[in-house]
Amino acid sequence: MTKQRQKRHVPTVGPYGFREDAPTLKAYLASGEYYRVYCKYCRRWHTHSPFEGHRLAHCDDPDSPYAPTGYNLVYAGEFTLAVWRRFSDVQS
């Protein structure tokens, strides 16, 4: 039986580059298709296209400091159950 090789994610910078005045958040690759980013202000996971760089904030908290600048994403690994649990524990 032949083992299938898992495709390795190679982070690339998206078309928007990085914004110097925006904070940088860790992004986790989910299902090999998109990035998941945890927002500590609305306490939710947001989904973005799988490339590094600047994004508009998806946070629905009107007081979020991400609203005026958005945030930069950097690849931090695969979105695993351990990652989900680590951030879920923060919420409690």
PDB file of N, CA and C in Angstrom:
ATOM      1  N   MET A   1       0.838  -1.166   0.000  1.00  0.00           N
ATOM      2  CA  MET A   1       0.000   0.000   0.000  1.00  0.00           C
ATOM      3  C   MET A   1       0.898   1.248   0.000  1.00  0.00           C
ATOM      4  N   THR A   2       0.605   2.180  -0.837  1.00  0.00           N
ATOM      5  CA  THR A   2       1.400   3.393  -0.961  1.00  0.00           C
ATOM      6  C   THR A   2       0.840   4.488  -0.062  1.00  0.00           C
ATOM      7  N   LYS A   3       1.748   5.105   0.690  1.00  0.00           N
ATOM      8  CA  LYS A   3       1.327   6.228   1.524  1.00  0.00           C
ATOM      9  C   LYS A   3       1.211   7.476   0.669  1.00  0.00           C
ATOM     10  N   GLN A   4       0.157   8.241   0.888  1.00  0.00           N
ATOM     11  CA  GLN A   4       0.033   9.521   0.199  1.00  0.00           C
ATOM     12  C   GLN A   4       0.826  10.557   0.955  1.00  0.00           C
ATOM     13  N   ARG A   5       1.596  11.336   0.238  1.00  0.00           N
ATOM     14  CA  ARG A   5       2.345  12.418   0.872  1.00  0.00           C
ATOM     15  C   ARG A   5       1.424  13.596   1.111  1.00  0.00           C
ATOM     16  N   GLN A   6       1.513  14.122   2.318  1.00  0.00           N
ATOM     17  CA  GLN A   6       0.714  15.295   2.639  1.00  0.00           C
ATOM     18  C   GLN A   6       1.409  16.521   2.063  1.00  0.00           C
ATOM     19  N   LYS A   7       0.640  17.346   1.387  1.00  0.00           N
ATOM     20  CA  LYS A   7       1.174  18.549   0.789  1.00  0.00           C
ATOM     21  C   LYS A   7       1.560  19.526   1.892  1.00  0.00           C
ATOM     22  N   ARG A   8       2.767  20.042   1.836  1.00  0.00           N
ATOM     23  CA  ARG A   8       3.256  20.985   2.838  1.00  0.00           C
ATOM     24  C   ARG A   8       2.844  22.401   2.458  1.00  0.00           C
ATOM     25  N   HIS A   9       2.339  23.134   3.434  1.00  0.00           N
ATOM     26  CA  HIS A   9       1.926  24.523   3.191  1.00  0.00           C
ATOM     27  C   HIS A   9       3.154  25.424   3.204  1.00  0.00           C
ATOM     28  N   VAL A  10       3.343  26.164   2.148  1.00  0.00           N
ATOM     29  CA  VAL A  10       4.428  27.135   2.065  1.00  0.00           C
ATOM     30  C   VAL A  10       3.784  28.519   2.087  1.00  0.00           C
ATOM     31  N   PRO A  11       3.954  29.253   3.202  1.00  0.00           N
ATOM     32  CA  PRO A  11       3.315  30.562   3.300  1.00  0.00           C
ATOM     33  C   PRO A  11       3.819  31.538   2.247  1.00  0.00           C
ATOM     34  N   THR A  12       2.911  32.270   1.659  1.00  0.00           N
ATOM     35  CA  THR A  12       3.271  33.318   0.713  1.00  0.00           C
ATOM     36  C   THR A  12       2.574  34.605   1.146  1.00  0.00           C
ATOM     37  N   VAL A  13       3.190  35.715   0.805  1.00  0.00           N
ATOM     38  CA  VAL A  13       2.597  37.008   1.147  1.00  0.00           C
ATOM     39  C   VAL A  13       1.573  37.361   0.087  1.00  0.00           C
ATOM     40  N   GLY A  14       0.394  37.770   0.544  1.00  0.00           N
ATOM     41  CA  GLY A  14      -0.695  38.110  -0.362  1.00  0.00           C
ATOM     42  C   GLY A  14      -0.510  39.462  -1.028  1.00  0.00           C
ATOM     43  N   PRO A  15      -1.480  39.846  -1.818  1.00  0.00           N
ATOM     44  CA  PRO A  15      -1.380  41.061  -2.630  1.00  0.00           C
ATOM     45  C   PRO A  15      -1.359  42.355  -1.827  1.00  0.00           C
ATOM     46  N   TYR A  16      -1.738  42.304  -0.568  1.00  0.00           N
ATOM     47  CA  TYR A  16      -1.820  43.536   0.222  1.00  0.00           C
ATOM     48  C   TYR A  16      -0.556  43.820   1.016  1.00  0.00           C
ATOM     49  N   GLY A  17       0.382  42.900   1.029  1.00  0.00           N
ATOM     50  CA  GLY A  17       1.607  43.103   1.792  1.00  0.00           C
ATOM     51  C   GLY A  17       1.310  43.167   3.284  1.00  0.00           C
ATOM     52  N   PHE A  18       2.185  43.827   4.024  1.00  0.00           N
ATOM     53  CA  PHE A  18       2.008  44.002   5.458  1.00  0.00           C
ATOM     54  C   PHE A  18       1.807  45.480   5.756  1.00  0.00           C
ATOM     55  N   ARG A  19       0.990  45.772   6.746  1.00  0.00           N
ATOM     56  CA  ARG A  19       0.762  47.150   7.155  1.00  0.00           C
ATOM     57  C   ARG A  19       1.515  47.378   8.463  1.00  0.00           C
ATOM     58  N   GLU A  20       2.410  48.358   8.472  1.00  0.00           N
ATOM     59  CA  GLU A  20       3.295  48.574   9.615  1.00  0.00           C
ATOM     60  C   GLU A  20       2.574  48.950  10.897  1.00  0.00           C
ATOM     61  N   ASP A  21       1.471  49.663  10.806  1.00  0.00           N
ATOM     62  CA  ASP A  21       0.781  50.104  12.020  1.00  0.00           C
ATOM     63  C   ASP A  21      -0.279  49.119  12.503  1.00  0.00           C
ATOM     64  N   ALA A  22      -0.373  47.963  11.869  1.00  0.00           N
ATOM     65  CA  ALA A  22      -1.364  46.954  12.261  1.00  0.00           C
ATOM     66  C   ALA A  22      -0.697  45.854  13.091  1.00  0.00           C
ATOM     67  N   PRO A  23      -1.427  45.328  14.088  1.00  0.00           N
ATOM     68  CA  PRO A  23      -0.870  44.221  14.871  1.00  0.00           C
ATOM     69  C   PRO A  23      -0.752  42.961  14.020  1.00  0.00           C
ATOM     70  N   THR A  24       0.078  42.045  14.478  1.00  0.00           N
ATOM     71  CA  THR A  24       0.278  40.778  13.773  1.00  0.00           C
ATOM     72  C   THR A  24      -0.313  39.646  14.605  1.00  0.00           C
ATOM     73  N   LEU A  25      -1.134  38.825  13.950  1.00  0.00           N
ATOM     74  CA  LEU A  25      -1.785  37.694  14.606  1.00  0.00           C
ATOM     75  C   LEU A  25      -1.325  36.386  13.976  1.00  0.00           C
ATOM     76  N   LYS A  26      -1.353  35.330  14.776  1.00  0.00           N
ATOM     77  CA  LYS A  26      -1.018  33.993  14.280  1.00  0.00           C
ATOM     78  C   LYS A  26      -2.199  33.435  13.497  1.00  0.00           C
ATOM     79  N   ALA A  27      -1.906  32.854  12.350  1.00  0.00           N
ATOM     80  CA  ALA A  27      -2.927  32.239  11.504  1.00  0.00           C
ATOM     81  C   ALA A  27      -2.633  30.746  11.386  1.00  0.00           C
ATOM     82  N   TYR A  28      -3.672  29.945  11.493  1.00  0.00           N
ATOM     83  CA  TYR A  28      -3.539  28.489  11.448  1.00  0.00           C
ATOM     84  C   TYR A  28      -4.258  27.950  10.218  1.00  0.00           C
ATOM     85  N   LEU A  29      -3.581  27.098   9.476  1.00  0.00           N
ATOM     86  CA  LEU A  29      -4.145  26.537   8.249  1.00  0.00           C
ATOM     87  C   LEU A  29      -5.153  25.442   8.592  1.00  0.00           C
ATOM     88  N   ALA A  30      -6.390  25.626   8.153  1.00  0.00           N
ATOM     89  CA  ALA A  30      -7.465  24.670   8.413  1.00  0.00           C
ATOM     90  C   ALA A  30      -7.863  23.969   7.120  1.00  0.00           C
ATOM     91  N   SER A  31      -7.943  22.672   7.171  1.00  0.00           N
ATOM     92  CA  SER A  31      -8.364  21.846   6.025  1.00  0.00           C
ATOM     93  C   SER A  31      -7.510  22.081   4.786  1.00  0.00           C
ATOM     94  N   GLY A  32      -6.336  22.647   4.966  1.00  0.00           N
ATOM     95  CA  GLY A  32      -5.450  22.906   3.835  1.00  0.00           C
ATOM     96  C   GLY A  32      -5.974  23.965   2.888  1.00  0.00           C
ATOM     97  N   GLU A  33      -7.021  24.713   3.301  1.00  0.00           N
ATOM     98  CA  GLU A  33      -7.684  25.627   2.381  1.00  0.00           C
ATOM     99  C   GLU A  33      -7.796  27.070   2.843  1.00  0.00           C
ATOM    100  N   TYR A  34      -7.786  27.317   4.143  1.00  0.00           N
ATOM    101  CA  TYR A  34      -7.989  28.684   4.623  1.00  0.00           C
ATOM    102  C   TYR A  34      -7.296  28.867   5.965  1.00  0.00           C
ATOM    103  N   TYR A  35      -7.083  30.116   6.346  1.00  0.00           N
ATOM    104  CA  TYR A  35      -6.498  30.442   7.636  1.00  0.00           C
ATOM    105  C   TYR A  35      -7.601  30.709   8.656  1.00  0.00           C
ATOM    106  N   ARG A  36      -7.365  30.253   9.877  1.00  0.00           N
ATOM    107  CA  ARG A  36      -8.244  30.571  11.004  1.00  0.00           C
ATOM    108  C   ARG A  36      -7.442  31.432  11.962  1.00  0.00           C
ATOM    109  N   VAL A  37      -8.069  32.505  12.432  1.00  0.00           N
ATOM    110  CA  VAL A  37      -7.418  33.471  13.315  1.00  0.00           C
ATOM    111  C   VAL A  37      -8.333  33.706  14.510  1.00  0.00           C
ATOM    112  N   TYR A  38      -7.770  33.617  15.698  1.00  0.00           N
ATOM    113  CA  TYR A  38      -8.584  33.830  16.887  1.00  0.00           C
ATOM    114  C   TYR A  38      -8.573  35.304  17.266  1.00  0.00           C
ATOM    115  N   CYS A  39      -9.751  35.855  17.515  1.00  0.00           N
ATOM    116  CA  CYS A  39      -9.896  37.243  17.933  1.00  0.00           C
ATOM    117  C   CYS A  39     -10.200  37.277  19.423  1.00  0.00           C
ATOM    118  N   LYS A  40      -9.300  37.867  20.185  1.00  0.00           N
ATOM    119  CA  LYS A  40      -9.503  37.913  21.629  1.00  0.00           C
ATOM    120  C   LYS A  40     -10.544  38.946  22.049  1.00  0.00           C
ATOM    121  N   TYR A  41     -10.985  39.788  21.126  1.00  0.00           N
ATOM    122  CA  TYR A  41     -11.968  40.815  21.460  1.00  0.00           C
ATOM    123  C   TYR A  41     -13.404  40.308  21.333  1.00  0.00           C
ATOM    124  N   CYS A  42     -13.707  39.603  20.267  1.00  0.00           N
ATOM    125  CA  CYS A  42     -15.052  39.040  20.142  1.00  0.00           C
ATOM    126  C   CYS A  42     -15.070  37.555  20.519  1.00  0.00           C
ATOM    127  N   ARG A  43     -13.882  37.004  20.795  1.00  0.00           N
ATOM    128  CA  ARG A  43     -13.718  35.606  21.203  1.00  0.00           C
ATOM    129  C   ARG A  43     -14.275  34.622  20.195  1.00  0.00           C
ATOM    130  N   ARG A  44     -13.952  34.890  18.937  1.00  0.00           N
ATOM    131  CA  ARG A  44     -14.388  34.003  17.844  1.00  0.00           C
ATOM    132  C   ARG A  44     -13.221  33.740  16.913  1.00  0.00           C
ATOM    133  N   TRP A  45     -13.356  32.667  16.147  1.00  0.00           N
ATOM    134  CA  TRP A  45     -12.399  32.360  15.092  1.00  0.00           C
ATOM    135  C   TRP A  45     -12.879  33.018  13.805  1.00  0.00           C
ATOM    136  N   HIS A  46     -11.986  33.710  13.119  1.00  0.00           N
ATOM    137  CA  HIS A  46     -12.299  34.315  11.836  1.00  0.00           C
ATOM    138  C   HIS A  46     -11.555  33.565  10.742  1.00  0.00           C
ATOM    139  N   THR A  47     -12.115  33.555   9.561  1.00  0.00           N
ATOM    140  CA  THR A  47     -11.563  32.816   8.431  1.00  0.00           C
ATOM    141  C   THR A  47     -11.061  33.788   7.370  1.00  0.00           C
ATOM    142  N   HIS A  48      -9.882  33.476   6.822  1.00  0.00           N
ATOM    143  CA  HIS A  48      -9.285  34.306   5.779  1.00  0.00           C
ATOM    144  C   HIS A  48      -8.632  33.414   4.721  1.00  0.00           C
ATOM    145  N   SER A  49      -8.370  33.997   3.565  1.00  0.00           N
ATOM    146  CA  SER A  49      -7.641  33.285   2.505  1.00  0.00           C
ATOM    147  C   SER A  49      -6.255  32.896   3.022  1.00  0.00           C
ATOM    148  N   PRO A  50      -5.711  31.781   2.531  1.00  0.00           N
ATOM    149  CA  PRO A  50      -4.471  31.254   3.102  1.00  0.00           C
ATOM    150  C   PRO A  50      -3.190  31.896   2.555  1.00  0.00           C
ATOM    151  N   PHE A  51      -3.025  33.172   2.837  1.00  0.00           N
ATOM    152  CA  PHE A  51      -1.732  33.806   2.565  1.00  0.00           C
ATOM    153  C   PHE A  51      -1.463  34.840   3.636  1.00  0.00           C
ATOM    154  N   GLU A  52      -0.185  35.099   3.870  1.00  0.00           N
ATOM    155  CA  GLU A  52       0.199  36.043   4.905  1.00  0.00           C
ATOM    156  C   GLU A  52       0.006  37.480   4.435  1.00  0.00           C
ATOM    157  N   GLY A  53      -0.072  38.389   5.404  1.00  0.00           N
ATOM    158  CA  GLY A  53      -0.177  39.798   5.073  1.00  0.00           C
ATOM    159  C   GLY A  53      -1.377  40.458   5.724  1.00  0.00           C
ATOM    160  N   HIS A  54      -1.659  41.669   5.286  1.00  0.00           N
ATOM    161  CA  HIS A  54      -2.685  42.497   5.896  1.00  0.00           C
ATOM    162  C   HIS A  54      -4.101  42.056   5.522  1.00  0.00           C
ATOM    163  N   ARG A  55      -5.012  42.162   6.503  1.00  0.00           N
ATOM    164  CA  ARG A  55      -6.430  41.867   6.294  1.00  0.00           C
ATOM    165  C   ARG A  55      -7.274  42.899   7.023  1.00  0.00           C
ATOM    166  N   LEU A  56      -8.477  43.097   6.550  1.00  0.00           N
ATOM    167  CA  LEU A  56      -9.467  43.869   7.285  1.00  0.00           C
ATOM    168  C   LEU A  56      -9.987  42.984   8.407  1.00  0.00           C
ATOM    169  N   ALA A  57     -10.272  43.580   9.547  1.00  0.00           N
ATOM    170  CA  ALA A  57     -10.755  42.819  10.694  1.00  0.00           C
ATOM    171  C   ALA A  57     -12.179  42.334  10.453  1.00  0.00           C
ATOM    172  N   HIS A  58     -12.455  41.098  10.840  1.00  0.00           N
ATOM    173  CA  HIS A  58     -13.798  40.538  10.763  1.00  0.00           C
ATOM    174  C   HIS A  58     -14.513  40.625  12.102  1.00  0.00           C
ATOM    175  N   CYS A  59     -13.890  41.250  13.064  1.00  0.00           N
ATOM    176  CA  CYS A  59     -14.428  41.332  14.418  1.00  0.00           C
ATOM    177  C   CYS A  59     -15.704  42.172  14.440  1.00  0.00           C
ATOM    178  N   ASP A  60     -16.721  41.671  15.160  1.00  0.00           N
ATOM    179  CA  ASP A  60     -17.964  42.435  15.250  1.00  0.00           C
ATOM    180  C   ASP A  60     -18.063  43.236  16.550  1.00  0.00           C
ATOM    181  N   ASP A  61     -16.957  43.298  17.300  1.00  0.00           N
ATOM    182  CA  ASP A  61     -16.912  44.123  18.501  1.00  0.00           C
ATOM    183  C   ASP A  61     -16.573  45.554  18.081  1.00  0.00           C
ATOM    184  N   PRO A  62     -17.504  46.501  18.255  1.00  0.00           N
ATOM    185  CA  PRO A  62     -17.261  47.870  17.796  1.00  0.00           C
ATOM    186  C   PRO A  62     -16.098  48.557  18.511  1.00  0.00           C
ATOM    187  N   ASP A  63     -15.718  48.048  19.693  1.00  0.00           N
ATOM    188  CA  ASP A  63     -14.593  48.620  20.432  1.00  0.00           C
ATOM    189  C   ASP A  63     -13.264  47.931  20.142  1.00  0.00           C
ATOM    190  N   SER A  64     -13.260  46.999  19.219  1.00  0.00           N
ATOM    191  CA  SER A  64     -12.032  46.275  18.895  1.00  0.00           C
ATOM    192  C   SER A  64     -10.978  47.226  18.333  1.00  0.00           C
ATOM    193  N   PRO A  65      -9.763  47.164  18.833  1.00  0.00           N
ATOM    194  CA  PRO A  65      -8.694  48.000  18.283  1.00  0.00           C
ATOM    195  C   PRO A  65      -8.267  47.562  16.884  1.00  0.00           C
ATOM    196  N   TYR A  66      -8.757  46.402  16.436  1.00  0.00           N
ATOM    197  CA  TYR A  66      -8.443  45.946  15.080  1.00  0.00           C
ATOM    198  C   TYR A  66      -9.245  46.702  14.017  1.00  0.00           C
ATOM    199  N   ALA A  67     -10.356  47.308  14.414  1.00  0.00           N
ATOM    200  CA  ALA A  67     -11.245  47.962  13.442  1.00  0.00           C
ATOM    201  C   ALA A  67     -10.547  49.032  12.592  1.00  0.00           C
ATOM    202  N   PRO A  68      -9.793  49.956  13.165  1.00  0.00           N
ATOM    203  CA  PRO A  68      -9.204  51.013  12.334  1.00  0.00           C
ATOM    204  C   PRO A  68      -8.058  50.549  11.430  1.00  0.00           C
ATOM    205  N   THR A  69      -7.290  49.553  11.889  1.00  0.00           N
ATOM    206  CA  THR A  69      -6.087  49.167  11.121  1.00  0.00           C
ATOM    207  C   THR A  69      -6.169  47.793  10.478  1.00  0.00           C
ATOM    208  N   GLY A  70      -7.085  46.952  10.942  1.00  0.00           N
ATOM    209  CA  GLY A  70      -7.057  45.561  10.515  1.00  0.00           C
ATOM    210  C   GLY A  70      -5.910  44.870  11.225  1.00  0.00           C
ATOM    211  N   TYR A  71      -5.403  43.779  10.636  1.00  0.00           N
ATOM    212  CA  TYR A  71      -4.273  43.071  11.235  1.00  0.00           C
ATOM    213  C   TYR A  71      -3.496  42.340  10.158  1.00  0.00           C
ATOM    214  N   ASN A  72      -2.259  42.015  10.491  1.00  0.00           N
ATOM    215  CA  ASN A  72      -1.400  41.217   9.620  1.00  0.00           C
ATOM    216  C   ASN A  72      -1.478  39.769  10.085  1.00  0.00           C
ATOM    217  N   LEU A  73      -1.453  38.848   9.144  1.00  0.00           N
ATOM    218  CA  LEU A  73      -1.459  37.424   9.475  1.00  0.00           C
ATOM    219  C   LEU A  73      -0.107  36.813   9.156  1.00  0.00           C
ATOM    220  N   VAL A  74       0.346  35.941  10.043  1.00  0.00           N
ATOM    221  CA  VAL A  74       1.540  35.135   9.788  1.00  0.00           C
ATOM    222  C   VAL A  74       1.184  33.679  10.071  1.00  0.00           C
ATOM    223  N   TYR A  75       1.654  32.810   9.213  1.00  0.00           N
ATOM    224  CA  TYR A  75       1.385  31.382   9.342  1.00  0.00           C
ATOM    225  C   TYR A  75       2.037  30.838  10.606  1.00  0.00           C
ATOM    226  N   ALA A  76       1.242  30.127  11.432  1.00  0.00           N
ATOM    227  CA  ALA A  76       1.739  29.591  12.694  1.00  0.00           C
ATOM    228  C   ALA A  76       1.595  28.075  12.790  1.00  0.00           C
ATOM    229  N   GLY A  77       1.169  27.425  11.704  1.00  0.00           N
ATOM    230  CA  GLY A  77       1.031  25.977  11.724  1.00  0.00           C
ATOM    231  C   GLY A  77      -0.378  25.530  11.362  1.00  0.00           C
ATOM    232  N   GLU A  78      -0.606  24.255  11.563  1.00  0.00           N
ATOM    233  CA  GLU A  78      -1.896  23.656  11.244  1.00  0.00           C
ATOM    234  C   GLU A  78      -2.916  23.952  12.342  1.00  0.00           C
ATOM    235  N   PHE A  79      -4.175  24.081  11.942  1.00  0.00           N
ATOM    236  CA  PHE A  79      -5.265  24.263  12.889  1.00  0.00           C
ATOM    237  C   PHE A  79      -5.652  22.888  13.415  1.00  0.00           C
ATOM    238  N   THR A  80      -5.229  22.603  14.624  1.00  0.00           N
ATOM    239  CA  THR A  80      -5.465  21.291  15.222  1.00  0.00           C
ATOM    240  C   THR A  80      -6.417  21.425  16.409  1.00  0.00           C
ATOM    241  N   LEU A  81      -6.821  20.289  16.911  1.00  0.00           N
ATOM    242  CA  LEU A  81      -7.664  20.277  18.096  1.00  0.00           C
ATOM    243  C   LEU A  81      -6.931  20.926  19.271  1.00  0.00           C
ATOM    244  N   ALA A  82      -5.634  20.694  19.370  1.00  0.00           N
ATOM    245  CA  ALA A  82      -4.843  21.303  20.451  1.00  0.00           C
ATOM    246  C   ALA A  82      -4.838  22.824  20.342  1.00  0.00           C
ATOM    247  N   VAL A  83      -4.748  23.363  19.133  1.00  0.00           N
ATOM    248  CA  VAL A  83      -4.798  24.815  18.938  1.00  0.00           C
ATOM    249  C   VAL A  83      -6.165  25.331  19.358  1.00  0.00           C
ATOM    250  N   TRP A  84      -7.209  24.682  18.898  1.00  0.00           N
ATOM    251  CA  TRP A  84      -8.571  25.103  19.247  1.00  0.00           C
ATOM    252  C   TRP A  84      -8.767  25.107  20.763  1.00  0.00           C
ATOM    253  N   ARG A  85      -8.303  24.042  21.413  1.00  0.00           N
ATOM    254  CA  ARG A  85      -8.462  23.936  22.867  1.00  0.00           C
ATOM    255  C   ARG A  85      -7.671  25.012  23.603  1.00  0.00           C
ATOM    256  N   ARG A  86      -6.473  25.302  23.135  1.00  0.00           N
ATOM    257  CA  ARG A  86      -5.654  26.327  23.777  1.00  0.00           C
ATOM    258  C   ARG A  86      -6.385  27.661  23.826  1.00  0.00           C
ATOM    259  N   PHE A  87      -7.011  28.049  22.716  1.00  0.00           N
ATOM    260  CA  PHE A  87      -7.731  29.317  22.675  1.00  0.00           C
ATOM    261  C   PHE A  87      -9.077  29.231  23.380  1.00  0.00           C
ATOM    262  N   SER A  88      -9.708  28.067  23.358  1.00  0.00           N
ATOM    263  CA  SER A  88     -10.976  27.897  24.063  1.00  0.00           C
ATOM    264  C   SER A  88     -10.782  28.025  25.563  1.00  0.00           C
ATOM    265  N   ASP A  89      -9.637  27.550  26.054  1.00  0.00           N
ATOM    266  CA  ASP A  89      -9.342  27.665  27.482  1.00  0.00           C
ATOM    267  C   ASP A  89      -9.184  29.123  27.889  1.00  0.00           C
ATOM    268  N   VAL A  90      -8.727  29.959  26.980  1.00  0.00           N
ATOM    269  CA  VAL A  90      -8.556  31.390  27.255  1.00  0.00           C
ATOM    270  C   VAL A  90      -9.904  32.037  27.489  1.00  0.00           C
ATOM    271  N   GLN A  91     -10.927  31.568  26.784  1.00  0.00           N
ATOM    272  CA  GLN A  91     -12.264  32.153  26.883  1.00  0.00           C
ATOM    273  C   GLN A  91     -12.896  31.941  28.258  1.00  0.00           C
ATOM    274  N   SER A  92     -12.600  30.827  28.896  1.00  0.00           N
ATOM    275  CA  SER A  92     -13.276  30.475  30.143  1.00  0.00           C
ATOM    276  C   SER A  92     -12.916  31.390  31.291  1.00  0.00           C
TER     277      SER A  92
END
